[in-house]
């Protein structure tokens, strides 16, 4: 993923599945726009694995 608008515009609707394993707070909007119309965003909560 990129934060550049031009780079992300080229990815629009390209992915069928997006595994979001980023462990910090972040916007999922770039992930959503990169997904195809019937694509799936699968968030993986890595923070839960770090808890004692």
N, C-alpha and C. Protein backbone atom coordinates (compact mmCIF):
# COMPACT_ATOMS: atom_id res chain seq x y z
N UNK A 1 0.85 -1.17 0.00
CA UNK A 1 0.00 0.00 0.00
C UNK A 1 0.89 1.23 0.00
N UNK A 2 0.30 2.31 -0.42
CA UNK A 2 1.01 3.57 -0.54
C UNK A 2 0.14 4.69 0.00
N UNK A 3 0.77 5.79 0.33
CA UNK A 3 0.00 6.97 0.75
C UNK A 3 -0.13 7.96 -0.40
N UNK A 4 0.49 7.66 -1.53
CA UNK A 4 0.41 8.55 -2.69
C UNK A 4 -0.91 8.37 -3.44
N UNK A 5 -1.57 9.48 -3.74
CA UNK A 5 -2.87 9.42 -4.41
C UNK A 5 -2.78 8.76 -5.79
N UNK A 6 -1.76 9.09 -6.56
CA UNK A 6 -1.62 8.52 -7.90
C UNK A 6 -1.37 7.02 -7.84
N UNK A 7 -0.52 6.60 -6.91
CA UNK A 7 -0.24 5.17 -6.76
C UNK A 7 -1.49 4.41 -6.36
N UNK A 8 -2.27 4.96 -5.44
CA UNK A 8 -3.48 4.29 -4.97
C UNK A 8 -4.57 4.32 -6.03
N UNK A 9 -4.62 5.35 -6.85
CA UNK A 9 -5.61 5.41 -7.92
C UNK A 9 -5.41 4.26 -8.90
N UNK A 10 -4.17 3.85 -9.11
CA UNK A 10 -3.88 2.73 -10.01
C UNK A 10 -4.32 1.40 -9.40
N UNK A 11 -4.49 1.33 -8.09
CA UNK A 11 -4.88 0.09 -7.41
C UNK A 11 -6.39 -0.03 -7.21
N UNK A 12 -7.13 1.00 -7.52
CA UNK A 12 -8.59 1.03 -7.28
C UNK A 12 -9.28 -0.19 -7.89
N UNK A 13 -9.99 -0.95 -7.06
CA UNK A 13 -10.76 -2.10 -7.52
C UNK A 13 -9.94 -3.29 -7.96
N UNK A 14 -8.69 -3.34 -7.60
CA UNK A 14 -7.78 -4.38 -8.11
C UNK A 14 -7.78 -5.67 -7.30
N UNK A 15 -8.06 -5.61 -6.01
CA UNK A 15 -7.90 -6.75 -5.12
C UNK A 15 -9.23 -7.41 -4.77
N UNK A 16 -9.23 -8.74 -4.72
CA UNK A 16 -10.41 -9.50 -4.28
C UNK A 16 -10.38 -9.73 -2.77
N UNK A 17 -9.19 -9.80 -2.21
CA UNK A 17 -9.02 -10.06 -0.77
C UNK A 17 -7.91 -9.18 -0.25
N UNK A 18 -8.16 -8.56 0.89
CA UNK A 18 -7.15 -7.72 1.51
C UNK A 18 -7.04 -8.14 2.97
N UNK A 19 -5.88 -8.67 3.36
CA UNK A 19 -5.63 -9.03 4.75
C UNK A 19 -4.98 -7.83 5.43
N UNK A 20 -5.66 -7.24 6.37
CA UNK A 20 -5.16 -6.05 7.06
C UNK A 20 -4.56 -6.49 8.39
N UNK A 21 -3.23 -6.63 8.42
CA UNK A 21 -2.54 -7.10 9.62
C UNK A 21 -1.68 -5.99 10.24
N UNK A 22 -2.04 -4.74 9.99
CA UNK A 22 -1.30 -3.62 10.56
C UNK A 22 -1.67 -3.51 12.03
N UNK A 23 -0.68 -3.53 12.90
CA UNK A 23 -0.94 -3.55 14.34
C UNK A 23 -1.14 -2.19 14.97
N UNK A 24 -1.04 -1.12 14.20
CA UNK A 24 -1.22 0.23 14.73
C UNK A 24 -2.51 0.83 14.18
N UNK A 25 -2.98 1.89 14.83
CA UNK A 25 -4.17 2.58 14.33
C UNK A 25 -3.88 3.13 12.94
N UNK A 26 -4.83 2.96 12.05
CA UNK A 26 -4.67 3.44 10.68
C UNK A 26 -6.03 3.52 10.00
N UNK A 27 -6.07 4.24 8.91
CA UNK A 27 -7.29 4.37 8.13
C UNK A 27 -7.44 3.16 7.21
N UNK A 28 -8.63 2.58 7.16
CA UNK A 28 -8.87 1.46 6.25
C UNK A 28 -9.40 1.93 4.91
N UNK A 29 -9.60 3.24 4.75
CA UNK A 29 -10.14 3.78 3.50
C UNK A 29 -9.29 3.41 2.29
N UNK A 30 -7.94 3.50 2.35
CA UNK A 30 -7.16 3.07 1.19
C UNK A 30 -7.36 1.58 0.86
N UNK A 31 -7.53 0.76 1.88
CA UNK A 31 -7.78 -0.67 1.67
C UNK A 31 -9.12 -0.87 0.98
N UNK A 32 -10.13 -0.13 1.41
CA UNK A 32 -11.47 -0.29 0.85
C UNK A 32 -11.51 0.11 -0.62
N UNK A 33 -10.82 1.19 -0.98
CA UNK A 33 -10.85 1.62 -2.38
C UNK A 33 -10.05 0.68 -3.28
N UNK A 34 -9.09 -0.04 -2.71
CA UNK A 34 -8.29 -0.98 -3.51
C UNK A 34 -9.05 -2.28 -3.78
N UNK A 35 -10.11 -2.54 -3.01
CA UNK A 35 -10.88 -3.77 -3.18
C UNK A 35 -11.80 -3.71 -4.40
N UNK A 36 -11.99 -4.86 -5.01
CA UNK A 36 -12.97 -4.98 -6.09
C UNK A 36 -14.37 -4.84 -5.48
N UNK A 37 -15.37 -4.68 -6.33
CA UNK A 37 -16.74 -4.45 -5.87
C UNK A 37 -17.20 -5.51 -4.87
N UNK A 38 -16.92 -6.78 -5.13
CA UNK A 38 -17.31 -7.86 -4.22
C UNK A 38 -16.15 -8.36 -3.39
N UNK A 39 -15.12 -7.51 -3.20
CA UNK A 39 -13.93 -7.90 -2.45
C UNK A 39 -14.19 -8.01 -0.96
N UNK A 40 -13.24 -8.62 -0.26
CA UNK A 40 -13.36 -8.85 1.17
C UNK A 40 -12.18 -8.22 1.90
N UNK A 41 -12.47 -7.42 2.91
CA UNK A 41 -11.45 -6.87 3.79
C UNK A 41 -11.45 -7.71 5.05
N UNK A 42 -10.31 -8.31 5.36
CA UNK A 42 -10.21 -9.18 6.52
C UNK A 42 -9.24 -8.57 7.53
N UNK A 43 -9.76 -7.86 8.54
CA UNK A 43 -8.88 -7.28 9.55
C UNK A 43 -8.39 -8.36 10.52
N UNK A 44 -7.11 -8.33 10.81
CA UNK A 44 -6.52 -9.27 11.75
C UNK A 44 -6.02 -8.44 12.92
N UNK A 45 -6.58 -8.62 14.10
CA UNK A 45 -6.24 -7.81 15.27
C UNK A 45 -4.95 -8.32 15.89
N UNK A 46 -3.84 -7.75 15.47
CA UNK A 46 -2.54 -8.16 15.99
C UNK A 46 -2.34 -7.65 17.42
N UNK A 47 -3.05 -6.60 17.83
CA UNK A 47 -2.90 -6.06 19.17
C UNK A 47 -3.33 -7.08 20.22
N UNK A 48 -4.31 -7.89 19.91
CA UNK A 48 -4.78 -8.89 20.86
C UNK A 48 -3.68 -9.92 21.15
N UNK A 49 -2.84 -10.21 20.19
CA UNK A 49 -1.77 -11.18 20.37
C UNK A 49 -0.68 -10.66 21.28
N UNK A 50 -0.55 -9.34 21.42
CA UNK A 50 0.49 -8.75 22.26
C UNK A 50 0.07 -8.60 23.71
N UNK A 51 -1.18 -8.78 24.00
CA UNK A 51 -1.67 -8.62 25.38
C UNK A 51 -1.20 -9.79 26.25
N UNK A 52 -0.78 -9.47 27.50
CA UNK A 52 -0.32 -10.56 28.39
C UNK A 52 -1.45 -11.46 28.84
